[in-house]
Amino acid sequence: MTTQSGDDESLRLRMSVLTGSAALRAIASTWRFRIRGGEHLASLRAAGTPFIFSLWHGQLLPLIWHHRGQHVAILVSEHRDGELIARIARSIGYRLIRGSTTRGGGRALLALVRTLEAGTEVAVTPDGPRGPAFEFAPGALVAAHRTGAPLLPVAAHADRAWRLSSWDGFIIPKPFARVTVAYGAPVRVDAESPRGAAAQSPEFEELMSDTVRAACAS
């Protein structure tokens, strides 16, 4: 019975991934993107500097679509809720780092550090995987401190979107929505220790809030 149940669950997950990927491609191909602060991303890439995209979990969908196929690695929880997102992200060209830097996440943090040291850009949702929403957990700051990689705040706003009744208010832009993607200035974590880096969470929450406001501005 256990094997049959596991097989059924695996099949449901595969079907969900196929359906979700197809639906995302169909809807997202109609989105119109407007970029603000794109020079911040361009300058980091021109310098060949590995960095950390920092984005809120609720804005994940339009942002992973916009940055698809750009050789970015994304940190996704190993929790069951993260499995669908992980597989869809992989289907559109992302490398996966599995785990959480906040819940017994030493292994995930180490993988994050090694990925940055190898020269790969990474994307992290500092309020994921389960919230609270818009609270900056310190894992990304510790990784940035250890590697010297800057954090690049990025946010998205859609003029028309479905908003799920989930902890993060997950947004799904509607067909033909105009999606604004805003980048803040890259910031390096200036601290003498990992503990000092973690203590800067409130400052980075404010930077993220500034970037969200830039995305939402008309």
N, C-alpha and C. Protein backbone atom coordinates (compact mmCIF):
# COMPACT_ATOMS: atom_id res chain seq x y z
N MET A 1 0.83 -1.21 0.00
CA MET A 1 0.00 0.00 0.00
C MET A 1 0.87 1.26 0.00
N THR A 2 1.96 1.22 0.79
CA THR A 2 2.83 2.39 0.86
C THR A 2 3.45 2.68 -0.50
N THR A 3 3.92 1.60 -1.17
CA THR A 3 4.52 1.77 -2.49
C THR A 3 3.52 2.33 -3.49
N GLN A 4 2.29 1.78 -3.47
CA GLN A 4 1.25 2.26 -4.38
C GLN A 4 0.93 3.72 -4.11
N SER A 5 0.83 4.08 -2.82
CA SER A 5 0.54 5.46 -2.46
C SER A 5 1.64 6.39 -2.93
N GLY A 6 2.90 5.94 -2.75
CA GLY A 6 4.02 6.76 -3.20
C GLY A 6 4.04 6.92 -4.71
N ASP A 7 3.73 5.84 -5.43
CA ASP A 7 3.68 5.91 -6.89
C ASP A 7 2.60 6.86 -7.36
N ASP A 8 1.44 6.81 -6.70
CA ASP A 8 0.33 7.69 -7.06
C ASP A 8 0.71 9.16 -6.83
N GLU A 9 1.37 9.40 -5.69
CA GLU A 9 1.77 10.77 -5.37
C GLU A 9 2.80 11.29 -6.37
N SER A 10 3.75 10.42 -6.74
CA SER A 10 4.76 10.80 -7.72
C SER A 10 4.12 11.11 -9.07
N LEU A 11 3.15 10.31 -9.46
CA LEU A 11 2.45 10.55 -10.72
C LEU A 11 1.70 11.87 -10.69
N ARG A 12 1.02 12.13 -9.56
CA ARG A 12 0.29 13.40 -9.43
C ARG A 12 1.24 14.58 -9.53
N LEU A 13 2.42 14.44 -8.91
CA LEU A 13 3.39 15.53 -8.96
C LEU A 13 3.89 15.75 -10.39
N ARG A 14 4.19 14.66 -11.09
CA ARG A 14 4.65 14.80 -12.48
C ARG A 14 3.59 15.45 -13.35
N MET A 15 2.34 15.06 -13.14
CA MET A 15 1.26 15.66 -13.92
C MET A 15 1.10 17.14 -13.57
N SER A 16 1.26 17.46 -12.29
CA SER A 16 1.16 18.86 -11.87
C SER A 16 2.26 19.70 -12.50
N VAL A 17 3.47 19.12 -12.57
CA VAL A 17 4.60 19.83 -13.18
C VAL A 17 4.33 20.07 -14.66
N LEU A 18 3.87 19.04 -15.37
CA LEU A 18 3.58 19.19 -16.79
C LEU A 18 2.49 20.23 -17.03
N THR A 19 1.43 20.14 -16.22
CA THR A 19 0.32 21.08 -16.36
C THR A 19 0.76 22.49 -16.00
N GLY A 20 1.47 22.60 -14.86
CA GLY A 20 1.93 23.91 -14.40
C GLY A 20 2.89 24.56 -15.37
N SER A 21 3.83 23.78 -15.90
CA SER A 21 4.80 24.33 -16.86
C SER A 21 4.10 24.80 -18.13
N ALA A 22 3.16 24.00 -18.62
CA ALA A 22 2.43 24.37 -19.84
C ALA A 22 1.60 25.63 -19.61
N ALA A 23 0.93 25.70 -18.46
CA ALA A 23 0.11 26.87 -18.15
C ALA A 23 0.97 28.12 -18.01
N LEU A 24 2.12 27.97 -17.33
CA LEU A 24 3.02 29.11 -17.16
C LEU A 24 3.50 29.63 -18.51
N ARG A 25 3.94 28.73 -19.37
CA ARG A 25 4.43 29.16 -20.69
C ARG A 25 3.33 29.85 -21.49
N ALA A 26 2.11 29.31 -21.42
CA ALA A 26 1.01 29.89 -22.18
C ALA A 26 0.66 31.29 -21.69
N ILE A 27 0.59 31.46 -20.37
CA ILE A 27 0.21 32.76 -19.82
C ILE A 27 1.37 33.74 -19.88
N ALA A 28 2.55 33.28 -19.45
CA ALA A 28 3.69 34.20 -19.34
C ALA A 28 4.15 34.73 -20.68
N SER A 29 3.92 33.96 -21.73
CA SER A 29 4.33 34.43 -23.06
C SER A 29 3.56 35.67 -23.49
N THR A 30 2.45 35.97 -22.80
CA THR A 30 1.66 37.16 -23.14
C THR A 30 2.02 38.36 -22.26
N TRP A 31 2.81 38.15 -21.22
CA TRP A 31 3.15 39.26 -20.32
C TRP A 31 4.04 40.27 -21.04
N ARG A 32 3.85 41.54 -20.71
CA ARG A 32 4.70 42.60 -21.25
C ARG A 32 5.53 43.16 -20.10
N PHE A 33 6.84 43.14 -20.27
CA PHE A 33 7.73 43.53 -19.18
C PHE A 33 8.26 44.95 -19.37
N ARG A 34 8.31 45.65 -18.25
CA ARG A 34 8.94 46.97 -18.19
C ARG A 34 10.01 46.90 -17.10
N ILE A 35 11.19 47.42 -17.38
CA ILE A 35 12.33 47.27 -16.47
C ILE A 35 12.71 48.61 -15.87
N ARG A 36 12.96 48.60 -14.57
CA ARG A 36 13.49 49.78 -13.87
C ARG A 36 14.77 49.38 -13.14
N GLY A 37 15.77 50.22 -13.26
CA GLY A 37 17.03 49.93 -12.58
C GLY A 37 17.83 48.82 -13.24
N GLY A 38 17.57 48.56 -14.51
CA GLY A 38 18.26 47.48 -15.20
C GLY A 38 19.76 47.67 -15.28
N GLU A 39 20.22 48.92 -15.12
CA GLU A 39 21.66 49.17 -15.16
C GLU A 39 22.39 48.49 -14.01
N HIS A 40 21.69 48.26 -12.90
CA HIS A 40 22.33 47.58 -11.76
C HIS A 40 22.66 46.13 -12.10
N LEU A 41 21.72 45.46 -12.74
CA LEU A 41 21.98 44.09 -13.18
C LEU A 41 23.06 44.06 -14.26
N ALA A 42 22.97 44.99 -15.20
CA ALA A 42 23.93 45.01 -16.30
C ALA A 42 25.35 45.23 -15.81
N SER A 43 25.52 46.11 -14.82
CA SER A 43 26.88 46.40 -14.33
C SER A 43 27.49 45.20 -13.64
N LEU A 44 26.70 44.45 -12.88
CA LEU A 44 27.21 43.26 -12.21
C LEU A 44 27.62 42.21 -13.24
N ARG A 45 26.79 42.02 -14.24
CA ARG A 45 27.11 41.01 -15.25
C ARG A 45 28.29 41.43 -16.12
N ALA A 46 28.41 42.72 -16.39
CA ALA A 46 29.55 43.19 -17.18
C ALA A 46 30.86 42.97 -16.43
N ALA A 47 30.80 43.08 -15.09
CA ALA A 47 31.99 42.87 -14.27
C ALA A 47 32.28 41.40 -14.01
N GLY A 48 31.35 40.53 -14.39
CA GLY A 48 31.52 39.10 -14.14
C GLY A 48 31.45 38.74 -12.67
N THR A 49 30.70 39.53 -11.92
CA THR A 49 30.61 39.36 -10.47
C THR A 49 29.46 38.43 -10.11
N PRO A 50 29.72 37.29 -9.46
CA PRO A 50 28.59 36.48 -8.97
C PRO A 50 27.85 37.24 -7.88
N PHE A 51 26.55 37.14 -7.86
CA PHE A 51 25.76 37.91 -6.91
C PHE A 51 24.51 37.13 -6.53
N ILE A 52 23.77 37.68 -5.59
CA ILE A 52 22.56 37.04 -5.07
C ILE A 52 21.35 37.89 -5.42
N PHE A 53 20.47 37.38 -6.28
CA PHE A 53 19.16 38.01 -6.46
C PHE A 53 18.38 37.82 -5.17
N SER A 54 17.84 38.90 -4.64
CA SER A 54 17.04 38.83 -3.42
C SER A 54 15.61 39.26 -3.76
N LEU A 55 14.64 38.36 -3.62
CA LEU A 55 13.27 38.64 -4.01
C LEU A 55 12.30 38.03 -3.00
N TRP A 56 11.16 38.67 -2.83
CA TRP A 56 10.15 38.13 -1.93
C TRP A 56 9.46 36.93 -2.58
N HIS A 57 9.09 35.97 -1.74
CA HIS A 57 8.54 34.71 -2.22
C HIS A 57 7.26 34.91 -3.03
N GLY A 58 6.43 35.84 -2.64
CA GLY A 58 5.16 36.05 -3.32
C GLY A 58 5.29 36.56 -4.74
N GLN A 59 6.47 37.10 -5.09
CA GLN A 59 6.70 37.64 -6.43
C GLN A 59 7.55 36.69 -7.28
N LEU A 60 7.68 35.47 -6.82
CA LEU A 60 8.59 34.50 -7.44
C LEU A 60 8.24 34.20 -8.90
N LEU A 61 6.96 34.01 -9.19
CA LEU A 61 6.57 33.51 -10.51
C LEU A 61 6.98 34.44 -11.66
N PRO A 62 6.58 35.72 -11.64
CA PRO A 62 7.00 36.57 -12.76
C PRO A 62 8.51 36.76 -12.83
N LEU A 63 9.18 36.70 -11.67
CA LEU A 63 10.62 36.92 -11.68
C LEU A 63 11.39 35.72 -12.20
N ILE A 64 10.96 34.50 -11.87
CA ILE A 64 11.68 33.36 -12.43
C ILE A 64 11.41 33.25 -13.93
N TRP A 65 10.24 33.67 -14.36
CA TRP A 65 9.98 33.65 -15.80
C TRP A 65 10.87 34.68 -16.51
N HIS A 66 10.95 35.87 -15.97
CA HIS A 66 11.73 36.93 -16.62
C HIS A 66 13.21 36.58 -16.72
N HIS A 67 13.74 35.86 -15.72
CA HIS A 67 15.17 35.54 -15.70
C HIS A 67 15.47 34.11 -16.17
N ARG A 68 14.51 33.48 -16.81
CA ARG A 68 14.71 32.10 -17.27
C ARG A 68 15.84 32.05 -18.29
N GLY A 69 16.51 30.91 -18.34
CA GLY A 69 17.56 30.70 -19.34
C GLY A 69 18.78 31.58 -19.18
N GLN A 70 18.99 32.15 -17.99
CA GLN A 70 20.12 33.05 -17.76
C GLN A 70 21.19 32.42 -16.86
N HIS A 71 21.17 31.11 -16.74
CA HIS A 71 22.19 30.37 -15.98
C HIS A 71 22.22 30.79 -14.51
N VAL A 72 21.03 30.93 -13.95
CA VAL A 72 20.88 31.29 -12.53
C VAL A 72 20.55 30.03 -11.74
N ALA A 73 21.12 29.92 -10.55
CA ALA A 73 20.75 28.84 -9.62
C ALA A 73 19.76 29.41 -8.61
N ILE A 74 18.77 28.63 -8.24
CA ILE A 74 17.74 29.11 -7.31
C ILE A 74 17.65 28.19 -6.11
N LEU A 75 17.56 28.80 -4.94
CA LEU A 75 17.40 28.05 -3.69
C LEU A 75 15.92 27.77 -3.47
N VAL A 76 15.57 26.49 -3.41
CA VAL A 76 14.17 26.08 -3.23
C VAL A 76 14.09 25.09 -2.09
N SER A 77 13.11 25.26 -1.24
CA SER A 77 12.91 24.38 -0.09
C SER A 77 12.73 22.93 -0.51
N GLU A 78 13.19 22.01 0.35
CA GLU A 78 12.93 20.59 0.14
C GLU A 78 11.57 20.18 0.68
N HIS A 79 10.86 21.11 1.30
CA HIS A 79 9.50 20.85 1.77
C HIS A 79 8.62 20.49 0.58
N ARG A 80 7.59 19.72 0.81
CA ARG A 80 6.70 19.28 -0.27
C ARG A 80 6.14 20.45 -1.06
N ASP A 81 5.87 21.56 -0.37
CA ASP A 81 5.32 22.73 -1.06
C ASP A 81 6.29 23.27 -2.10
N GLY A 82 7.60 23.05 -1.88
CA GLY A 82 8.59 23.59 -2.79
C GLY A 82 8.88 22.71 -3.99
N GLU A 83 8.40 21.47 -3.96
CA GLU A 83 8.76 20.52 -5.02
C GLU A 83 8.21 20.94 -6.38
N LEU A 84 6.97 21.42 -6.41
CA LEU A 84 6.38 21.83 -7.69
C LEU A 84 7.14 23.02 -8.26
N ILE A 85 7.43 24.02 -7.40
CA ILE A 85 8.18 25.19 -7.85
C ILE A 85 9.55 24.77 -8.37
N ALA A 86 10.20 23.86 -7.63
CA ALA A 86 11.54 23.41 -8.02
C ALA A 86 11.53 22.79 -9.41
N ARG A 87 10.57 21.92 -9.66
CA ARG A 87 10.55 21.22 -10.95
C ARG A 87 10.18 22.14 -12.09
N ILE A 88 9.28 23.08 -11.84
CA ILE A 88 8.93 24.05 -12.88
C ILE A 88 10.13 24.95 -13.17
N ALA A 89 10.82 25.40 -12.11
CA ALA A 89 12.01 26.23 -12.31
C ALA A 89 13.06 25.50 -13.14
N ARG A 90 13.27 24.24 -12.83
CA ARG A 90 14.25 23.46 -13.59
C ARG A 90 13.83 23.32 -15.05
N SER A 91 12.51 23.21 -15.29
CA SER A 91 12.03 23.02 -16.67
C SER A 91 12.24 24.26 -17.53
N ILE A 92 12.44 25.43 -16.90
CA ILE A 92 12.68 26.65 -17.68
C ILE A 92 14.12 27.13 -17.55
N GLY A 93 15.00 26.24 -17.11
CA GLY A 93 16.42 26.53 -17.24
C GLY A 93 17.19 26.87 -15.99
N TYR A 94 16.59 26.71 -14.81
CA TYR A 94 17.29 27.03 -13.57
C TYR A 94 18.06 25.82 -13.04
N ARG A 95 19.21 26.09 -12.44
CA ARG A 95 19.87 25.10 -11.60
C ARG A 95 19.22 25.16 -10.23
N LEU A 96 19.15 24.04 -9.55
CA LEU A 96 18.48 23.99 -8.25
C LEU A 96 19.48 23.81 -7.12
N ILE A 97 19.26 24.57 -6.06
CA ILE A 97 19.90 24.34 -4.77
C ILE A 97 18.76 24.02 -3.82
N ARG A 98 18.74 22.84 -3.25
CA ARG A 98 17.61 22.43 -2.43
C ARG A 98 17.92 22.63 -0.96
N GLY A 99 16.90 23.10 -0.24
CA GLY A 99 17.02 23.28 1.20
C GLY A 99 16.60 24.67 1.61
N SER A 100 16.76 24.96 2.88
CA SER A 100 16.43 26.25 3.45
C SER A 100 17.58 26.69 4.33
N THR A 101 17.93 27.97 4.24
CA THR A 101 19.00 28.48 5.09
C THR A 101 18.51 28.83 6.48
N THR A 102 17.21 28.64 6.75
CA THR A 102 16.66 29.03 8.05
C THR A 102 16.24 27.85 8.91
N ARG A 103 16.05 26.68 8.32
CA ARG A 103 15.53 25.54 9.08
C ARG A 103 16.53 24.39 9.02
N GLY A 104 17.49 24.42 9.96
CA GLY A 104 18.53 23.41 9.95
C GLY A 104 19.30 23.45 8.65
N GLY A 105 19.55 24.66 8.15
CA GLY A 105 19.99 24.82 6.77
C GLY A 105 21.47 24.91 6.55
N GLY A 106 22.30 24.29 7.39
CA GLY A 106 23.74 24.35 7.17
C GLY A 106 24.14 23.81 5.81
N ARG A 107 23.51 22.72 5.38
CA ARG A 107 23.85 22.12 4.09
C ARG A 107 23.46 23.04 2.94
N ALA A 108 22.28 23.65 3.05
CA ALA A 108 21.83 24.56 1.99
C ALA A 108 22.72 25.80 1.94
N LEU A 109 23.11 26.30 3.10
CA LEU A 109 23.99 27.48 3.14
C LEU A 109 25.33 27.16 2.50
N LEU A 110 25.87 25.98 2.80
CA LEU A 110 27.15 25.58 2.21
C LEU A 110 27.03 25.46 0.70
N ALA A 111 25.93 24.88 0.22
CA ALA A 111 25.72 24.76 -1.23
C ALA A 111 25.60 26.13 -1.88
N LEU A 112 24.94 27.05 -1.19
CA LEU A 112 24.79 28.41 -1.70
C LEU A 112 26.16 29.08 -1.83
N VAL A 113 26.97 28.94 -0.79
CA VAL A 113 28.32 29.52 -0.80
C VAL A 113 29.16 28.92 -1.93
N ARG A 114 29.13 27.61 -2.06
CA ARG A 114 29.93 26.96 -3.10
C ARG A 114 29.49 27.36 -4.51
N THR A 115 28.19 27.53 -4.68
CA THR A 115 27.68 27.94 -5.99
C THR A 115 28.17 29.34 -6.34
N LEU A 116 28.14 30.24 -5.38
CA LEU A 116 28.65 31.60 -5.60
C LEU A 116 30.14 31.58 -5.87
N GLU A 117 30.88 30.78 -5.11
CA GLU A 117 32.33 30.71 -5.30
C GLU A 117 32.69 30.15 -6.67
N ALA A 118 31.79 29.35 -7.25
CA ALA A 118 32.02 28.81 -8.59
C ALA A 118 31.67 29.83 -9.68
N GLY A 119 31.19 31.01 -9.28
CA GLY A 119 30.91 32.07 -10.24
C GLY A 119 29.50 32.11 -10.77
N THR A 120 28.58 31.39 -10.13
CA THR A 120 27.19 31.33 -10.60
C THR A 120 26.30 32.29 -9.82
N GLU A 121 25.44 33.00 -10.52
CA GLU A 121 24.44 33.84 -9.86
C GLU A 121 23.42 32.95 -9.16
N VAL A 122 22.93 33.41 -8.01
CA VAL A 122 21.91 32.64 -7.31
C VAL A 122 20.73 33.54 -6.97
N ALA A 123 19.56 32.93 -6.84
CA ALA A 123 18.34 33.64 -6.45
C ALA A 123 17.83 33.06 -5.14
N VAL A 124 17.48 33.94 -4.22
CA VAL A 124 17.05 33.54 -2.88
C VAL A 124 15.80 34.33 -2.51
N THR A 125 14.84 33.65 -1.87
CA THR A 125 13.68 34.34 -1.31
C THR A 125 13.87 34.40 0.20
N PRO A 126 14.34 35.53 0.73
CA PRO A 126 14.69 35.57 2.15
C PRO A 126 13.52 35.47 3.12
N ASP A 127 12.28 35.56 2.61
CA ASP A 127 11.13 35.32 3.49
C ASP A 127 10.57 33.91 3.30
N GLY A 128 11.20 33.10 2.46
CA GLY A 128 10.76 31.72 2.26
C GLY A 128 11.49 30.78 3.18
N PRO A 129 11.07 29.51 3.24
CA PRO A 129 10.00 28.93 2.42
C PRO A 129 8.60 29.06 3.01
N ARG A 130 8.47 29.44 4.29
CA ARG A 130 7.13 29.44 4.89
C ARG A 130 6.82 30.74 5.63
N GLY A 131 7.62 31.79 5.40
CA GLY A 131 7.33 33.07 6.03
C GLY A 131 8.03 33.28 7.35
N PRO A 132 7.66 34.34 8.06
CA PRO A 132 6.62 35.34 7.73
C PRO A 132 6.97 36.14 6.46
N ALA A 133 5.94 36.57 5.77
CA ALA A 133 6.13 37.33 4.55
C ALA A 133 6.84 38.64 4.82
N PHE A 134 7.75 38.99 3.93
CA PHE A 134 8.47 40.27 3.94
C PHE A 134 9.40 40.43 5.14
N GLU A 135 9.75 39.32 5.78
CA GLU A 135 10.76 39.36 6.83
C GLU A 135 12.03 38.72 6.29
N PHE A 136 13.14 39.43 6.40
CA PHE A 136 14.39 39.03 5.76
C PHE A 136 15.16 38.09 6.69
N ALA A 137 15.04 36.78 6.43
CA ALA A 137 15.82 35.80 7.19
C ALA A 137 17.30 35.98 6.83
N PRO A 138 18.21 35.67 7.76
CA PRO A 138 19.61 36.06 7.59
C PRO A 138 20.45 35.18 6.69
N GLY A 139 19.94 34.05 6.20
CA GLY A 139 20.78 33.12 5.46
C GLY A 139 21.50 33.74 4.28
N ALA A 140 20.80 34.53 3.48
CA ALA A 140 21.43 35.16 2.31
C ALA A 140 22.51 36.14 2.73
N LEU A 141 22.30 36.82 3.85
CA LEU A 141 23.30 37.76 4.35
C LEU A 141 24.57 37.04 4.78
N VAL A 142 24.40 35.90 5.41
CA VAL A 142 25.57 35.12 5.84
C VAL A 142 26.33 34.62 4.62
N ALA A 143 25.62 34.14 3.61
CA ALA A 143 26.27 33.68 2.38
C ALA A 143 27.01 34.83 1.69
N ALA A 144 26.38 35.99 1.66
CA ALA A 144 27.02 37.16 1.05
C ALA A 144 28.27 37.56 1.83
N HIS A 145 28.20 37.49 3.14
CA HIS A 145 29.35 37.83 3.98
C HIS A 145 30.50 36.87 3.73
N ARG A 146 30.20 35.60 3.64
CA ARG A 146 31.26 34.58 3.47
C ARG A 146 31.93 34.66 2.11
N THR A 147 31.19 35.07 1.09
CA THR A 147 31.72 35.05 -0.28
C THR A 147 32.10 36.42 -0.81
N GLY A 148 31.62 37.48 -0.17
CA GLY A 148 31.83 38.81 -0.70
C GLY A 148 30.89 39.16 -1.84
N ALA A 149 29.95 38.28 -2.12
CA ALA A 149 29.01 38.53 -3.23
C ALA A 149 27.99 39.60 -2.83
N PRO A 150 27.71 40.55 -3.71
CA PRO A 150 26.69 41.55 -3.39
C PRO A 150 25.28 40.97 -3.52
N LEU A 151 24.36 41.57 -2.80
CA LEU A 151 22.95 41.24 -2.96
C LEU A 151 22.31 42.25 -3.90
N LEU A 152 21.50 41.75 -4.82
CA LEU A 152 20.79 42.61 -5.76
C LEU A 152 19.30 42.50 -5.47
N PRO A 153 18.69 43.52 -4.84
CA PRO A 153 17.24 43.46 -4.60
C PRO A 153 16.49 43.53 -5.93
N VAL A 154 15.45 42.71 -6.06
CA VAL A 154 14.63 42.73 -7.26
C VAL A 154 13.18 42.48 -6.86
N ALA A 155 12.27 43.19 -7.51
CA ALA A 155 10.85 43.08 -7.18
C ALA A 155 10.04 43.13 -8.46
N ALA A 156 8.81 42.63 -8.39
CA ALA A 156 7.92 42.64 -9.55
C ALA A 156 6.54 43.11 -9.13
N HIS A 157 5.89 43.80 -10.05
CA HIS A 157 4.50 44.24 -9.84
C HIS A 157 3.74 44.05 -11.14
N ALA A 158 2.55 43.48 -11.07
CA ALA A 158 1.70 43.30 -12.26
C ALA A 158 0.48 44.19 -12.15
N ASP A 159 0.12 44.82 -13.27
CA ASP A 159 -1.05 45.71 -13.22
C ASP A 159 -2.35 44.92 -13.08
N ARG A 160 -2.32 43.63 -13.46
CA ARG A 160 -3.48 42.75 -13.27
C ARG A 160 -2.96 41.39 -12.87
N ALA A 161 -3.42 40.88 -11.74
CA ALA A 161 -2.89 39.60 -11.26
C ALA A 161 -3.90 38.91 -10.35
N TRP A 162 -3.81 37.58 -10.33
CA TRP A 162 -4.49 36.81 -9.29
C TRP A 162 -3.57 36.76 -8.08
N ARG A 163 -4.13 36.92 -6.90
CA ARG A 163 -3.35 36.84 -5.67
C ARG A 163 -3.90 35.70 -4.82
N LEU A 164 -3.05 34.71 -4.56
CA LEU A 164 -3.49 33.55 -3.79
C LEU A 164 -3.65 33.91 -2.32
N SER A 165 -4.52 33.18 -1.63
CA SER A 165 -4.72 33.40 -0.19
C SER A 165 -3.71 32.56 0.59
N SER A 166 -2.45 32.68 0.22
CA SER A 166 -1.36 31.95 0.88
C SER A 166 -0.61 32.91 1.79
N TRP A 167 0.30 32.37 2.58
CA TRP A 167 1.01 33.20 3.56
C TRP A 167 1.77 34.34 2.89
N ASP A 168 2.19 34.14 1.61
CA ASP A 168 3.01 35.13 0.93
C ASP A 168 2.23 36.00 -0.04
N GLY A 169 0.91 35.76 -0.17
CA GLY A 169 0.12 36.51 -1.15
C GLY A 169 0.64 36.30 -2.57
N PHE A 170 0.98 35.06 -2.90
CA PHE A 170 1.62 34.70 -4.17
C PHE A 170 0.84 35.27 -5.35
N ILE A 171 1.54 35.99 -6.24
CA ILE A 171 0.86 36.61 -7.37
C ILE A 171 1.09 35.83 -8.66
N ILE A 172 0.03 35.75 -9.46
CA ILE A 172 0.09 35.16 -10.80
C ILE A 172 -0.44 36.23 -11.75
N PRO A 173 0.44 36.92 -12.47
CA PRO A 173 -0.05 37.93 -13.41
C PRO A 173 -1.03 37.32 -14.42
N LYS A 174 -2.08 38.06 -14.72
CA LYS A 174 -3.08 37.58 -15.66
C LYS A 174 -2.57 37.69 -17.09
N PRO A 175 -3.21 36.99 -18.03
CA PRO A 175 -2.79 37.10 -19.43
C PRO A 175 -2.76 38.56 -19.89
N PHE A 176 -1.70 38.89 -20.60
CA PHE A 176 -1.48 40.22 -21.17
C PHE A 176 -1.25 41.30 -20.10
N ALA A 177 -0.91 40.88 -18.89
CA ALA A 177 -0.60 41.85 -17.85
C ALA A 177 0.71 42.58 -18.18
N ARG A 178 0.82 43.80 -17.70
CA ARG A 178 2.09 44.52 -17.77
C ARG A 178 2.81 44.29 -16.45
N VAL A 179 3.98 43.72 -16.53
CA VAL A 179 4.76 43.39 -15.34
C VAL A 179 5.97 44.31 -15.27
N THR A 180 6.09 45.03 -14.17
CA THR A 180 7.25 45.89 -13.95
C THR A 180 8.24 45.15 -13.06
N VAL A 181 9.47 45.04 -13.54
CA VAL A 181 10.56 44.44 -12.76
C VAL A 181 11.51 45.57 -12.37
N ALA A 182 11.76 45.71 -11.08
CA ALA A 182 12.64 46.76 -10.58
C ALA A 182 13.84 46.15 -9.86
N TYR A 183 15.01 46.70 -10.14
CA TYR A 183 16.24 46.30 -9.45
C TYR A 183 16.72 47.45 -8.59
N GLY A 184 17.11 47.13 -7.36
CA GLY A 184 17.76 48.12 -6.52
C GLY A 184 19.26 48.10 -6.76
N ALA A 185 19.96 49.03 -6.15
CA ALA A 185 21.42 49.04 -6.27
C ALA A 185 21.99 47.84 -5.53
N PRO A 186 23.01 47.19 -6.09
CA PRO A 186 23.63 46.05 -5.39
C PRO A 186 24.32 46.53 -4.12
N VAL A 187 24.23 45.70 -3.08
CA VAL A 187 24.79 46.06 -1.78
C VAL A 187 25.63 44.90 -1.26
N ARG A 188 26.82 45.22 -0.78
CA ARG A 188 27.66 44.21 -0.14
C ARG A 188 27.43 44.24 1.37
N VAL A 189 27.55 43.09 1.98
CA VAL A 189 27.33 42.98 3.42
C VAL A 189 28.65 43.30 4.12
N ASP A 190 28.66 44.42 4.82
CA ASP A 190 29.87 44.87 5.52
C ASP A 190 29.73 44.50 6.99
N ALA A 191 30.35 43.41 7.38
CA ALA A 191 30.26 42.94 8.76
C ALA A 191 31.53 42.19 9.12
N GLU A 192 31.82 42.11 10.40
CA GLU A 192 33.04 41.44 10.85
C GLU A 192 32.82 39.96 11.11
N SER A 193 31.57 39.53 11.15
CA SER A 193 31.28 38.13 11.47
C SER A 193 29.94 37.75 10.88
N PRO A 194 29.66 36.45 10.76
CA PRO A 194 28.33 36.02 10.32
C PRO A 194 27.22 36.57 11.22
N ARG A 195 27.49 36.62 12.51
CA ARG A 195 26.48 37.17 13.43
C ARG A 195 26.20 38.64 13.11
N GLY A 196 27.26 39.38 12.81
CA GLY A 196 27.09 40.78 12.44
C GLY A 196 26.34 40.93 11.13
N ALA A 197 26.60 40.01 10.19
CA ALA A 197 25.87 40.04 8.92
C ALA A 197 24.38 39.79 9.15
N ALA A 198 24.07 38.79 9.97
CA ALA A 198 22.68 38.45 10.24
C ALA A 198 21.94 39.60 10.90
N ALA A 199 22.66 40.39 11.69
CA ALA A 199 22.02 41.50 12.40
C ALA A 199 21.57 42.62 11.46
N GLN A 200 22.00 42.56 10.21
CA GLN A 200 21.63 43.61 9.26
C GLN A 200 20.30 43.33 8.54
N SER A 201 19.60 42.29 8.96
CA SER A 201 18.33 41.95 8.31
C SER A 201 17.36 43.12 8.20
N PRO A 202 17.16 43.93 9.27
CA PRO A 202 16.21 45.04 9.14
C PRO A 202 16.59 46.04 8.05
N GLU A 203 17.89 46.29 7.88
CA GLU A 203 18.33 47.22 6.84
C GLU A 203 17.99 46.68 5.46
N PHE A 204 18.17 45.38 5.28
CA PHE A 204 17.89 44.80 3.97
C PHE A 204 16.40 44.66 3.73
N GLU A 205 15.61 44.51 4.77
CA GLU A 205 14.15 44.56 4.60
C GLU A 205 13.74 45.91 4.03
N GLU A 206 14.36 46.97 4.53
CA GLU A 206 14.03 48.31 4.04
C GLU A 206 14.46 48.48 2.59
N LEU A 207 15.63 47.95 2.23
CA LEU A 207 16.06 48.01 0.83
C LEU A 207 15.09 47.27 -0.08
N MET A 208 14.61 46.12 0.40
CA MET A 208 13.62 45.37 -0.38
C MET A 208 12.33 46.17 -0.52
N SER A 209 11.91 46.82 0.55
CA SER A 209 10.69 47.63 0.50
C SER A 209 10.84 48.77 -0.51
N ASP A 210 12.02 49.39 -0.55
CA ASP A 210 12.27 50.46 -1.53
C ASP A 210 12.15 49.92 -2.96
N THR A 211 12.64 48.71 -3.18
CA THR A 211 12.60 48.12 -4.52
C THR A 211 11.17 47.77 -4.90
N VAL A 212 10.40 47.27 -3.95
CA VAL A 212 8.98 46.99 -4.22
C VAL A 212 8.25 48.27 -4.58
N ARG A 213 8.52 49.35 -3.86
CA ARG A 213 7.87 50.63 -4.16
C ARG A 213 8.24 51.10 -5.57
N ALA A 214 9.50 50.88 -5.97
CA ALA A 214 9.91 51.27 -7.32
C ALA A 214 9.16 50.47 -8.38
N ALA A 215 8.93 49.18 -8.10
CA ALA A 215 8.20 48.35 -9.05
C ALA A 215 6.73 48.77 -9.15
N CYS A 216 6.18 49.22 -8.04
CA CYS A 216 4.75 49.56 -7.99
C CYS A 216 4.46 50.97 -8.48
N ALA A 217 5.49 51.81 -8.59
CA ALA A 217 5.28 53.20 -9.00
C ALA A 217 4.75 53.24 -10.43
N SER A 218 3.81 54.13 -10.66
CA SER A 218 3.20 54.23 -12.00
C SER A 218 4.11 54.99 -12.95
